[in-house]
């Protein structure tokens, strides 16, 4: 019966605030306090440390997020660096753009 439950619910190892969980159709997750690494073939690979996050998908952005600081990348969509309202974005087929609040430089 336990093995049947595992197929429906995550495999979970919890040591104090340290957690590793796994499920075949959901994320593999490693969590240490606010530190989290999760992976799923259909959902993002994500590394989160407090406000620090790195996530990855093959079809969606790679993202690095430190509080309000964000770098994201995907081969299909734009490369973006975002620090609070400061944004730099890049695409091979579109404009390079620097946006600071309402100030925009593009080329």
PDB file of N, CA and C in Angstrom:
ATOM      1  N   UNK A   1       0.822  -1.198   0.000  1.00  0.00           N
ATOM      2  CA  UNK A   1       0.000   0.000   0.000  1.00  0.00           C
ATOM      3  C   UNK A   1       0.859   1.251   0.000  1.00  0.00           C
ATOM      4  N   UNK A   2       1.954   1.249   0.743  1.00  0.00           N
ATOM      5  CA  UNK A   2       2.827   2.428   0.779  1.00  0.00           C
ATOM      6  C   UNK A   2       3.378   2.754  -0.606  1.00  0.00           C
ATOM      7  N   UNK A   3       3.779   1.728  -1.364  1.00  0.00           N
ATOM      8  CA  UNK A   3       4.314   1.991  -2.695  1.00  0.00           C
ATOM      9  C   UNK A   3       3.250   2.588  -3.609  1.00  0.00           C
ATOM     10  N   UNK A   4       1.986   2.197  -3.433  1.00  0.00           N
ATOM     11  CA  UNK A   4       0.912   2.811  -4.207  1.00  0.00           C
ATOM     12  C   UNK A   4       0.736   4.277  -3.839  1.00  0.00           C
ATOM     13  N   UNK A   5       0.859   4.610  -2.559  1.00  0.00           N
ATOM     14  CA  UNK A   5       0.749   6.008  -2.140  1.00  0.00           C
ATOM     15  C   UNK A   5       1.865   6.849  -2.731  1.00  0.00           C
ATOM     16  N   UNK A   6       3.060   6.268  -2.826  1.00  0.00           N
ATOM     17  CA  UNK A   6       4.193   7.014  -3.361  1.00  0.00           C
ATOM     18  C   UNK A   6       3.948   7.411  -4.805  1.00  0.00           C
ATOM     19  N   UNK A   7       3.279   6.548  -5.584  1.00  0.00           N
ATOM     20  CA  UNK A   7       3.029   6.896  -6.975  1.00  0.00           C
ATOM     21  C   UNK A   7       2.067   8.074  -7.102  1.00  0.00           C
ATOM     22  N   UNK A   8       1.233   8.310  -6.101  1.00  0.00           N
ATOM     23  CA  UNK A   8       0.299   9.428  -6.130  1.00  0.00           C
ATOM     24  C   UNK A   8       0.804  10.640  -5.363  1.00  0.00           C
ATOM     25  N   UNK A   9       1.652  10.424  -4.388  1.00  0.00           N
ATOM     26  CA  UNK A   9       2.156  11.512  -3.547  1.00  0.00           C
ATOM     27  C   UNK A   9       3.674  11.531  -3.607  1.00  0.00           C
ATOM     28  N   UNK A  10       4.296  12.657  -3.254  1.00  0.00           N
ATOM     29  CA  UNK A  10       5.755  12.750  -3.365  1.00  0.00           C
ATOM     30  C   UNK A  10       6.488  11.825  -2.404  1.00  0.00           C
ATOM     31  N   UNK A  11       7.693  11.416  -2.824  1.00  0.00           N
ATOM     32  CA  UNK A  11       8.656  10.834  -1.903  1.00  0.00           C
ATOM     33  C   UNK A  11       9.271  12.020  -1.180  1.00  0.00           C
ATOM     34  N   UNK A  12       9.281  12.000   0.141  1.00  0.00           N
ATOM     35  CA  UNK A  12       9.729  13.165   0.903  1.00  0.00           C
ATOM     36  C   UNK A  12      10.693  12.728   1.990  1.00  0.00           C
ATOM     37  N   UNK A  13      11.836  13.415   2.066  1.00  0.00           N
ATOM     38  CA  UNK A  13      12.780  13.250   3.161  1.00  0.00           C
ATOM     39  C   UNK A  13      12.886  14.596   3.849  1.00  0.00           C
ATOM     40  N   UNK A  14      12.587  14.651   5.153  1.00  0.00           N
ATOM     41  CA  UNK A  14      12.618  15.910   5.897  1.00  0.00           C
ATOM     42  C   UNK A  14      13.562  15.758   7.081  1.00  0.00           C
ATOM     43  N   UNK A  15      14.583  16.613   7.142  1.00  0.00           N
ATOM     44  CA  UNK A  15      15.505  16.663   8.277  1.00  0.00           C
ATOM     45  C   UNK A  15      15.530  18.114   8.731  1.00  0.00           C
ATOM     46  N   UNK A  16      14.893  18.406   9.868  1.00  0.00           N
ATOM     47  CA  UNK A  16      14.739  19.788  10.331  1.00  0.00           C
ATOM     48  C   UNK A  16      14.143  20.611   9.199  1.00  0.00           C
ATOM     49  N   UNK A  17      14.819  21.643   8.756  1.00  0.00           N
ATOM     50  CA  UNK A  17      14.298  22.458   7.656  1.00  0.00           C
ATOM     51  C   UNK A  17      14.775  21.959   6.306  1.00  0.00           C
ATOM     52  N   UNK A  18      15.517  20.866   6.286  1.00  0.00           N
ATOM     53  CA  UNK A  18      16.076  20.322   5.045  1.00  0.00           C
ATOM     54  C   UNK A  18      15.077  19.339   4.452  1.00  0.00           C
ATOM     55  N   UNK A  19      14.657  19.552   3.230  1.00  0.00           N
ATOM     56  CA  UNK A  19      13.655  18.690   2.597  1.00  0.00           C
ATOM     57  C   UNK A  19      14.092  18.296   1.199  1.00  0.00           C
ATOM     58  N   UNK A  20      13.973  17.016   0.885  1.00  0.00           N
ATOM     59  CA  UNK A  20      14.090  16.544  -0.491  1.00  0.00           C
ATOM     60  C   UNK A  20      12.782  15.830  -0.803  1.00  0.00           C
ATOM     61  N   UNK A  21      12.135  16.214  -1.890  1.00  0.00           N
ATOM     62  CA  UNK A  21      10.921  15.507  -2.297  1.00  0.00           C
ATOM     63  C   UNK A  21      11.000  15.171  -3.779  1.00  0.00           C
ATOM     64  N   UNK A  22      10.310  14.127  -4.172  1.00  0.00           N
ATOM     65  CA  UNK A  22      10.344  13.700  -5.560  1.00  0.00           C
ATOM     66  C   UNK A  22       9.017  13.083  -5.950  1.00  0.00           C
ATOM     67  N   UNK A  23       8.609  13.355  -7.169  1.00  0.00           N
ATOM     68  CA  UNK A  23       7.455  12.705  -7.754  1.00  0.00           C
ATOM     69  C   UNK A  23       7.678  12.677  -9.250  1.00  0.00           C
ATOM     70  N   UNK A  24       7.302  11.599  -9.897  1.00  0.00           N
ATOM     71  CA  UNK A  24       7.642  11.433 -11.311  1.00  0.00           C
ATOM     72  C   UNK A  24       6.987  12.494 -12.190  1.00  0.00           C
ATOM     73  N   UNK A  25       5.774  12.923 -11.850  1.00  0.00           N
ATOM     74  CA  UNK A  25       5.089  13.901 -12.690  1.00  0.00           C
ATOM     75  C   UNK A  25       5.082  15.296 -12.076  1.00  0.00           C
ATOM     76  N   UNK A  26       5.732  15.467 -10.931  1.00  0.00           N
ATOM     77  CA  UNK A  26       5.845  16.777 -10.297  1.00  0.00           C
ATOM     78  C   UNK A  26       7.307  17.077 -10.020  1.00  0.00           C
ATOM     79  N   UNK A  27       7.563  18.170  -9.371  1.00  0.00           N
ATOM     80  CA  UNK A  27       8.937  18.639  -9.205  1.00  0.00           C
ATOM     81  C   UNK A  27       9.736  17.757  -8.263  1.00  0.00           C
ATOM     82  N   UNK A  28      11.021  17.570  -8.589  1.00  0.00           N
ATOM     83  CA  UNK A  28      12.002  17.107  -7.620  1.00  0.00           C
ATOM     84  C   UNK A  28      12.407  18.361  -6.869  1.00  0.00           C
ATOM     85  N   UNK A  29      12.393  18.325  -5.559  1.00  0.00           N
ATOM     86  CA  UNK A  29      12.629  19.550  -4.798  1.00  0.00           C
ATOM     87  C   UNK A  29      13.586  19.298  -3.646  1.00  0.00           C
ATOM     88  N   UNK A  30      14.555  20.179  -3.524  1.00  0.00           N
ATOM     89  CA  UNK A  30      15.464  20.194  -2.384  1.00  0.00           C
ATOM     90  C   UNK A  30      15.275  21.531  -1.705  1.00  0.00           C
ATOM     91  N   UNK A  31      14.857  21.520  -0.427  1.00  0.00           N
ATOM     92  CA  UNK A  31      14.600  22.765   0.294  1.00  0.00           C
ATOM     93  C   UNK A  31      15.383  22.760   1.598  1.00  0.00           C
ATOM     94  N   UNK A  32      16.198  23.779   1.795  1.00  0.00           N
ATOM     95  CA  UNK A  32      16.926  23.969   3.047  1.00  0.00           C
ATOM     96  C   UNK A  32      16.564  25.366   3.525  1.00  0.00           C
ATOM     97  N   UNK A  33      15.720  25.444   4.567  1.00  0.00           N
ATOM     98  CA  UNK A  33      15.165  26.726   5.011  1.00  0.00           C
ATOM     99  C   UNK A  33      14.568  27.428   3.804  1.00  0.00           C
ATOM    100  N   UNK A  34      15.084  28.578   3.437  1.00  0.00           N
ATOM    101  CA  UNK A  34      14.568  29.278   2.263  1.00  0.00           C
ATOM    102  C   UNK A  34      15.288  28.870   0.994  1.00  0.00           C
ATOM    103  N   UNK A  35      16.209  27.922   1.084  1.00  0.00           N
ATOM    104  CA  UNK A  35      16.977  27.465  -0.077  1.00  0.00           C
ATOM    105  C   UNK A  35      16.217  26.330  -0.744  1.00  0.00           C
ATOM    106  N   UNK A  36      15.887  26.470  -2.006  1.00  0.00           N
ATOM    107  CA  UNK A  36      15.097  25.458  -2.705  1.00  0.00           C
ATOM    108  C   UNK A  36      15.682  25.169  -4.072  1.00  0.00           C
ATOM    109  N   UNK A  37      15.831  23.889  -4.393  1.00  0.00           N
ATOM    110  CA  UNK A  37      16.107  23.456  -5.759  1.00  0.00           C
ATOM    111  C   UNK A  37      14.970  22.525  -6.142  1.00  0.00           C
ATOM    112  N   UNK A  38      14.307  22.802  -7.239  1.00  0.00           N
ATOM    113  CA  UNK A  38      13.258  21.893  -7.693  1.00  0.00           C
ATOM    114  C   UNK A  38      13.442  21.603  -9.176  1.00  0.00           C
ATOM    115  N   UNK A  39      12.993  20.444  -9.598  1.00  0.00           N
ATOM    116  CA  UNK A  39      13.119  20.054 -10.993  1.00  0.00           C
ATOM    117  C   UNK A  39      11.937  19.208 -11.399  1.00  0.00           C
ATOM    118  N   UNK A  40      11.468  19.428 -12.596  1.00  0.00           N
ATOM    119  CA  UNK A  40      10.448  18.583 -13.186  1.00  0.00           C
ATOM    120  C   UNK A  40      10.650  18.615 -14.689  1.00  0.00           C
ATOM    121  N   UNK A  41      10.401  17.507 -15.388  1.00  0.00           N
ATOM    122  CA  UNK A  41      10.564  17.537 -16.841  1.00  0.00           C
ATOM    123  C   UNK A  41       9.587  18.476 -17.524  1.00  0.00           C
ATOM    124  N   UNK A  42       8.453  18.773 -16.884  1.00  0.00           N
ATOM    125  CA  UNK A  42       7.464  19.653 -17.510  1.00  0.00           C
ATOM    126  C   UNK A  42       7.382  21.014 -16.838  1.00  0.00           C
ATOM    127  N   UNK A  43       7.998  21.168 -15.678  1.00  0.00           N
ATOM    128  CA  UNK A  43       7.968  22.442 -14.965  1.00  0.00           C
ATOM    129  C   UNK A  43       9.395  22.946 -14.779  1.00  0.00           C
ATOM    130  N   UNK A  44       9.595  24.164 -14.272  1.00  0.00           N
ATOM    131  CA  UNK A  44      10.940  24.732 -14.247  1.00  0.00           C
ATOM    132  C   UNK A  44      11.892  23.994 -13.319  1.00  0.00           C
ATOM    133  N   UNK A  45      13.177  24.014 -13.694  1.00  0.00           N
ATOM    134  CA  UNK A  45      14.241  23.746 -12.741  1.00  0.00           C
ATOM    135  C   UNK A  45      14.411  25.049 -11.983  1.00  0.00           C
ATOM    136  N   UNK A  46      14.404  25.006 -10.671  1.00  0.00           N
ATOM    137  CA  UNK A  46      14.447  26.248  -9.899  1.00  0.00           C
ATOM    138  C   UNK A  46      15.383  26.124  -8.707  1.00  0.00           C
ATOM    139  N   UNK A  47      16.215  27.132  -8.533  1.00  0.00           N
ATOM    140  CA  UNK A  47      17.060  27.257  -7.352  1.00  0.00           C
ATOM    141  C   UNK A  47      16.651  28.544  -6.669  1.00  0.00           C
ATOM    142  N   UNK A  48      16.184  28.453  -5.412  1.00  0.00           N
ATOM    143  CA  UNK A  48      15.721  29.636  -4.686  1.00  0.00           C
ATOM    144  C   UNK A  48      16.419  29.706  -3.342  1.00  0.00           C
ATOM    145  N   UNK A  49      17.069  30.820  -3.074  1.00  0.00           N
ATOM    146  CA  UNK A  49      17.692  31.074  -1.778  1.00  0.00           C
ATOM    147  C   UNK A  49      17.132  32.401  -1.296  1.00  0.00           C
ATOM    148  N   UNK A  50      16.230  32.346  -0.297  1.00  0.00           N
ATOM    149  CA  UNK A  50      15.498  33.537   0.148  1.00  0.00           C
ATOM    150  C   UNK A  50      14.906  34.215  -1.075  1.00  0.00           C
ATOM    151  N   UNK A  51      15.302  35.440  -1.376  1.00  0.00           N
ATOM    152  CA  UNK A  51      14.800  36.091  -2.581  1.00  0.00           C
ATOM    153  C   UNK A  51      15.591  35.751  -3.820  1.00  0.00           C
ATOM    154  N   UNK A  52      16.561  34.840  -3.721  1.00  0.00           N
ATOM    155  CA  UNK A  52      17.429  34.487  -4.844  1.00  0.00           C
ATOM    156  C   UNK A  52      16.849  33.275  -5.552  1.00  0.00           C
ATOM    157  N   UNK A  53      16.571  33.385  -6.824  1.00  0.00           N
ATOM    158  CA  UNK A  53      15.960  32.289  -7.569  1.00  0.00           C
ATOM    159  C   UNK A  53      16.636  32.109  -8.919  1.00  0.00           C
ATOM    160  N   UNK A  54      16.962  30.866  -9.255  1.00  0.00           N
ATOM    161  CA  UNK A  54      17.356  30.511 -10.615  1.00  0.00           C
ATOM    162  C   UNK A  54      16.356  29.464 -11.083  1.00  0.00           C
ATOM    163  N   UNK A  55      15.719  29.700 -12.210  1.00  0.00           N
ATOM    164  CA  UNK A  55      14.806  28.697 -12.751  1.00  0.00           C
ATOM    165  C   UNK A  55      15.117  28.470 -14.222  1.00  0.00           C
ATOM    166  N   UNK A  56      14.785  27.302 -14.721  1.00  0.00           N
ATOM    167  CA  UNK A  56      15.099  26.962 -16.103  1.00  0.00           C
ATOM    168  C   UNK A  56      14.013  26.075 -16.676  1.00  0.00           C
ATOM    169  N   UNK A  57      13.663  26.334 -17.927  1.00  0.00           N
ATOM    170  CA  UNK A  57      12.810  25.460 -18.717  1.00  0.00           C
ATOM    171  C   UNK A  57      13.376  25.412 -20.115  1.00  0.00           C
ATOM    172  N   UNK A  58      13.153  24.321 -20.798  1.00  0.00           N
ATOM    173  CA  UNK A  58      13.637  24.239 -22.174  1.00  0.00           C
ATOM    174  C   UNK A  58      12.850  25.165 -23.095  1.00  0.00           C
ATOM    175  N   UNK A  59      11.583  25.400 -22.799  1.00  0.00           N
ATOM    176  CA  UNK A  59      10.767  26.249 -23.669  1.00  0.00           C
ATOM    177  C   UNK A  59      10.402  27.572 -23.026  1.00  0.00           C
ATOM    178  N   UNK A  60      10.718  27.745 -21.760  1.00  0.00           N
ATOM    179  CA  UNK A  60      10.425  28.990 -21.058  1.00  0.00           C
ATOM    180  C   UNK A  60      11.714  29.598 -20.530  1.00  0.00           C
ATOM    181  N   UNK A  61      11.666  30.779 -19.924  1.00  0.00           N
ATOM    182  CA  UNK A  61      12.910  31.480 -19.607  1.00  0.00           C
ATOM    183  C   UNK A  61      13.779  30.783 -18.574  1.00  0.00           C
ATOM    184  N   UNK A  62      15.087  30.953 -18.747  1.00  0.00           N
ATOM    185  CA  UNK A  62      16.033  30.755 -17.663  1.00  0.00           C
ATOM    186  C   UNK A  62      15.970  32.041 -16.867  1.00  0.00           C
ATOM    187  N   UNK A  63      15.823  31.958 -15.562  1.00  0.00           N
ATOM    188  CA  UNK A  63      15.648  33.172 -14.768  1.00  0.00           C
ATOM    189  C   UNK A  63      16.508  33.145 -13.518  1.00  0.00           C
ATOM    190  N   UNK A  64      17.199  34.233 -13.282  1.00  0.00           N
ATOM    191  CA  UNK A  64      17.942  34.447 -12.045  1.00  0.00           C
ATOM    192  C   UNK A  64      17.297  35.633 -11.362  1.00  0.00           C
ATOM    193  N   UNK A  65      16.789  35.430 -10.147  1.00  0.00           N
ATOM    194  CA  UNK A  65      16.036  36.467  -9.443  1.00  0.00           C
ATOM    195  C   UNK A  65      16.609  36.608  -8.042  1.00  0.00           C
ATOM    196  N   UNK A  66      17.193  37.770  -7.747  1.00  0.00           N
ATOM    197  CA  UNK A  66      17.689  38.072  -6.404  1.00  0.00           C
ATOM    198  C   UNK A  66      16.878  39.258  -5.917  1.00  0.00           C
ATOM    199  N   UNK A  67      15.901  38.982  -5.038  1.00  0.00           N
ATOM    200  CA  UNK A  67      14.938  39.998  -4.607  1.00  0.00           C
ATOM    201  C   UNK A  67      14.346  40.653  -5.843  1.00  0.00           C
ATOM    202  N   UNK A  68      14.590  41.925  -6.077  1.00  0.00           N
ATOM    203  CA  UNK A  68      14.035  42.574  -7.266  1.00  0.00           C
ATOM    204  C   UNK A  68      14.957  42.457  -8.464  1.00  0.00           C
ATOM    205  N   UNK A  69      16.086  41.785  -8.307  1.00  0.00           N
ATOM    206  CA  UNK A  69      17.065  41.638  -9.387  1.00  0.00           C
ATOM    207  C   UNK A  69      16.733  40.390 -10.185  1.00  0.00           C
ATOM    208  N   UNK A  70      16.512  40.524 -11.467  1.00  0.00           N
ATOM    209  CA  UNK A  70      16.126  39.384 -12.300  1.00  0.00           C
ATOM    210  C   UNK A  70      16.939  39.351 -13.581  1.00  0.00           C
ATOM    211  N   UNK A  71      17.490  38.179 -13.901  1.00  0.00           N
ATOM    212  CA  UNK A  71      18.041  37.912 -15.227  1.00  0.00           C
ATOM    213  C   UNK A  71      17.258  36.731 -15.773  1.00  0.00           C
ATOM    214  N   UNK A  72      16.696  36.870 -16.949  1.00  0.00           N
ATOM    215  CA  UNK A  72      15.996  35.741 -17.552  1.00  0.00           C
ATOM    216  C   UNK A  72      16.467  35.553 -18.986  1.00  0.00           C
ATOM    217  N   UNK A  73      16.416  34.329 -19.455  1.00  0.00           N
ATOM    218  CA  UNK A  73      16.854  34.021 -20.808  1.00  0.00           C
ATOM    219  C   UNK A  73      16.073  32.842 -21.339  1.00  0.00           C
ATOM    220  N   UNK A  74      15.730  32.885 -22.591  1.00  0.00           N
ATOM    221  CA  UNK A  74      15.208  31.724 -23.283  1.00  0.00           C
ATOM    222  C   UNK A  74      15.636  31.823 -24.735  1.00  0.00           C
ATOM    223  N   UNK A  75      15.876  30.715 -25.415  1.00  0.00           N
ATOM    224  CA  UNK A  75      16.284  30.788 -26.816  1.00  0.00           C
ATOM    225  C   UNK A  75      15.183  31.327 -27.714  1.00  0.00           C
ATOM    226  N   UNK A  76      13.936  31.209 -27.273  1.00  0.00           N
ATOM    227  CA  UNK A  76      12.808  31.652 -28.096  1.00  0.00           C
ATOM    228  C   UNK A  76      12.433  33.096 -27.799  1.00  0.00           C
ATOM    229  N   UNK A  77      12.605  33.503 -26.543  1.00  0.00           N
ATOM    230  CA  UNK A  77      12.179  34.831 -26.120  1.00  0.00           C
ATOM    231  C   UNK A  77      13.386  35.668 -25.730  1.00  0.00           C
ATOM    232  N   UNK A  78      13.163  36.803 -25.143  1.00  0.00           N
ATOM    233  CA  UNK A  78      14.229  37.755 -24.909  1.00  0.00           C
ATOM    234  C   UNK A  78      15.115  37.406 -23.735  1.00  0.00           C
ATOM    235  N   UNK A  79      16.325  37.963 -23.780  1.00  0.00           N
ATOM    236  CA  UNK A  79      17.224  37.969 -22.636  1.00  0.00           C
ATOM    237  C   UNK A  79      16.904  39.224 -21.857  1.00  0.00           C
ATOM    238  N   UNK A  80      16.720  39.125 -20.551  1.00  0.00           N
ATOM    239  CA  UNK A  80      16.316  40.296 -19.772  1.00  0.00           C
ATOM    240  C   UNK A  80      17.067  40.368 -18.455  1.00  0.00           C
ATOM    241  N   UNK A  81      17.558  41.546 -18.148  1.00  0.00           N
ATOM    242  CA  UNK A  81      18.143  41.849 -16.840  1.00  0.00           C
ATOM    243  C   UNK A  81      17.280  42.928 -16.221  1.00  0.00           C
ATOM    244  N   UNK A  82      16.715  42.645 -15.038  1.00  0.00           N
ATOM    245  CA  UNK A  82      15.767  43.561 -14.403  1.00  0.00           C
ATOM    246  C   UNK A  82      16.191  43.779 -12.959  1.00  0.00           C
ATOM    247  N   UNK A  83      16.554  45.008 -12.618  1.00  0.00           N
ATOM    248  CA  UNK A  83      16.894  45.372 -11.240  1.00  0.00           C
ATOM    249  C   UNK A  83      15.900  46.446 -10.825  1.00  0.00           C
ATOM    250  N   UNK A  84      14.944  46.068  -9.960  1.00  0.00           N
ATOM    251  CA  UNK A  84      13.823  46.947  -9.604  1.00  0.00           C
ATOM    252  C   UNK A  84      13.182  47.446 -10.887  1.00  0.00           C
ATOM    253  N   UNK A  85      13.164  48.738 -11.153  1.00  0.00           N
ATOM    254  CA  UNK A  85      12.573  49.199 -12.405  1.00  0.00           C
ATOM    255  C   UNK A  85      13.609  49.360 -13.506  1.00  0.00           C
ATOM    256  N   UNK A  86      14.823  48.901 -13.267  1.00  0.00           N
ATOM    257  CA  UNK A  86      15.888  48.962 -14.274  1.00  0.00           C
ATOM    258  C   UNK A  86      15.843  47.684 -15.102  1.00  0.00           C
ATOM    259  N   UNK A  87      15.708  47.805 -16.409  1.00  0.00           N
ATOM    260  CA  UNK A  87      15.593  46.632 -17.273  1.00  0.00           C
ATOM    261  C   UNK A  87      16.508  46.747 -18.475  1.00  0.00           C
ATOM    262  N   UNK A  88      17.256  45.687 -18.752  1.00  0.00           N
ATOM    263  CA  UNK A  88      17.972  45.546 -20.018  1.00  0.00           C
ATOM    264  C   UNK A  88      17.425  44.284 -20.663  1.00  0.00           C
ATOM    265  N   UNK A  89      16.987  44.384 -21.896  1.00  0.00           N
ATOM    266  CA  UNK A  89      16.501  43.191 -22.584  1.00  0.00           C
ATOM    267  C   UNK A  89      17.169  43.071 -23.948  1.00  0.00           C
ATOM    268  N   UNK A  90      17.271  41.860 -24.427  1.00  0.00           N
ATOM    269  CA  UNK A  90      17.924  41.613 -25.703  1.00  0.00           C
ATOM    270  C   UNK A  90      17.269  40.444 -26.396  1.00  0.00           C
ATOM    271  N   UNK A  91      17.096  40.570 -27.706  1.00  0.00           N
ATOM    272  CA  UNK A  91      16.667  39.481 -28.562  1.00  0.00           C
ATOM    273  C   UNK A  91      17.525  39.518 -29.809  1.00  0.00           C
ATOM    274  N   UNK A  92      17.841  38.374 -30.371  1.00  0.00           N
ATOM    275  CA  UNK A  92      18.636  38.395 -31.601  1.00  0.00           C
ATOM    276  C   UNK A  92      17.878  39.001 -32.775  1.00  0.00           C
ATOM    277  N   UNK A  93      16.552  38.893 -32.763  1.00  0.00           N
ATOM    278  CA  UNK A  93      15.767  39.387 -33.890  1.00  0.00           C
ATOM    279  C   UNK A  93      14.981  40.653 -33.548  1.00  0.00           C
ATOM    280  N   UNK A  94      15.134  41.157 -32.320  1.00  0.00           N
ATOM    281  CA  UNK A  94      14.442  42.372 -31.918  1.00  0.00           C
ATOM    282  C   UNK A  94      15.423  43.358 -31.305  1.00  0.00           C
ATOM    283  N   UNK A  95      14.913  44.477 -30.842  1.00  0.00           N
ATOM    284  CA  UNK A  95      15.768  45.554 -30.333  1.00  0.00           C
ATOM    285  C   UNK A  95      16.441  45.184 -29.022  1.00  0.00           C
ATOM    286  N   UNK A  96      17.636  45.741 -28.822  1.00  0.00           N
ATOM    287  CA  UNK A  96      18.250  45.781 -27.502  1.00  0.00           C
ATOM    288  C   UNK A  96      17.651  46.993 -26.821  1.00  0.00           C
ATOM    289  N   UNK A  97      17.188  46.827 -25.596  1.00  0.00           N
ATOM    290  CA  UNK A  97      16.484  47.919 -24.921  1.00  0.00           C
ATOM    291  C   UNK A  97      16.970  48.071 -23.491  1.00  0.00           C
ATOM    292  N   UNK A  98      17.217  49.301 -23.105  1.00  0.00           N
ATOM    293  CA  UNK A  98      17.557  49.637 -21.726  1.00  0.00           C
ATOM    294  C   UNK A  98      16.442  50.522 -21.198  1.00  0.00           C
ATOM    295  N   UNK A  99      15.807  50.092 -20.104  1.00  0.00           N
ATOM    296  CA  UNK A  99      14.649  50.802 -19.563  1.00  0.00           C
ATOM    297  C   UNK A  99      14.889  51.049 -18.080  1.00  0.00           C
ATOM    298  N   UNK A 100      15.004  52.317 -17.694  1.00  0.00           N
ATOM    299  CA  UNK A 100      15.160  52.700 -16.289  1.00  0.00           C
ATOM    300  C   UNK A 100      13.961  53.565 -15.948  1.00  0.00           C
ATOM    301  N   UNK A 101      13.052  53.004 -15.129  1.00  0.00           N
ATOM    302  CA  UNK A 101      11.762  53.647 -14.854  1.00  0.00           C
ATOM    303  C   UNK A 101      11.103  53.982 -16.182  1.00  0.00           C
ATOM    304  N   UNK A 102      10.837  55.225 -16.471  1.00  0.00           N
ATOM    305  CA  UNK A 102      10.217  55.543 -17.754  1.00  0.00           C
ATOM    306  C   UNK A 102      11.252  55.992 -18.779  1.00  0.00           C
ATOM    307  N   UNK A 103      12.528  55.854 -18.456  1.00  0.00           N
ATOM    308  CA  UNK A 103      13.611  56.222 -19.370  1.00  0.00           C
ATOM    309  C   UNK A 103      13.973  54.998 -20.206  1.00  0.00           C
ATOM    310  N   UNK A 104      13.909  55.111 -21.531  1.00  0.00           N
ATOM    311  CA  UNK A 104      14.166  53.969 -22.411  1.00  0.00           C
ATOM    312  C   UNK A 104      15.202  54.345 -23.459  1.00  0.00           C
ATOM    313  N   UNK A 105      16.214  53.478 -23.609  1.00  0.00           N
ATOM    314  CA  UNK A 105      17.151  53.562 -24.726  1.00  0.00           C
ATOM    315  C   UNK A 105      17.006  52.254 -25.487  1.00  0.00           C
ATOM    316  N   UNK A 106      16.790  52.329 -26.782  1.00  0.00           N
ATOM    317  CA  UNK A 106      16.742  51.092 -27.565  1.00  0.00           C
ATOM    318  C   UNK A 106      17.554  51.270 -28.838  1.00  0.00           C
ATOM    319  N   UNK A 107      18.107  50.137 -29.334  1.00  0.00           N
ATOM    320  CA  UNK A 107      18.824  50.160 -30.602  1.00  0.00           C
ATOM    321  C   UNK A 107      18.819  48.783 -31.216  1.00  0.00           C
TER     322      UNK A 107
END
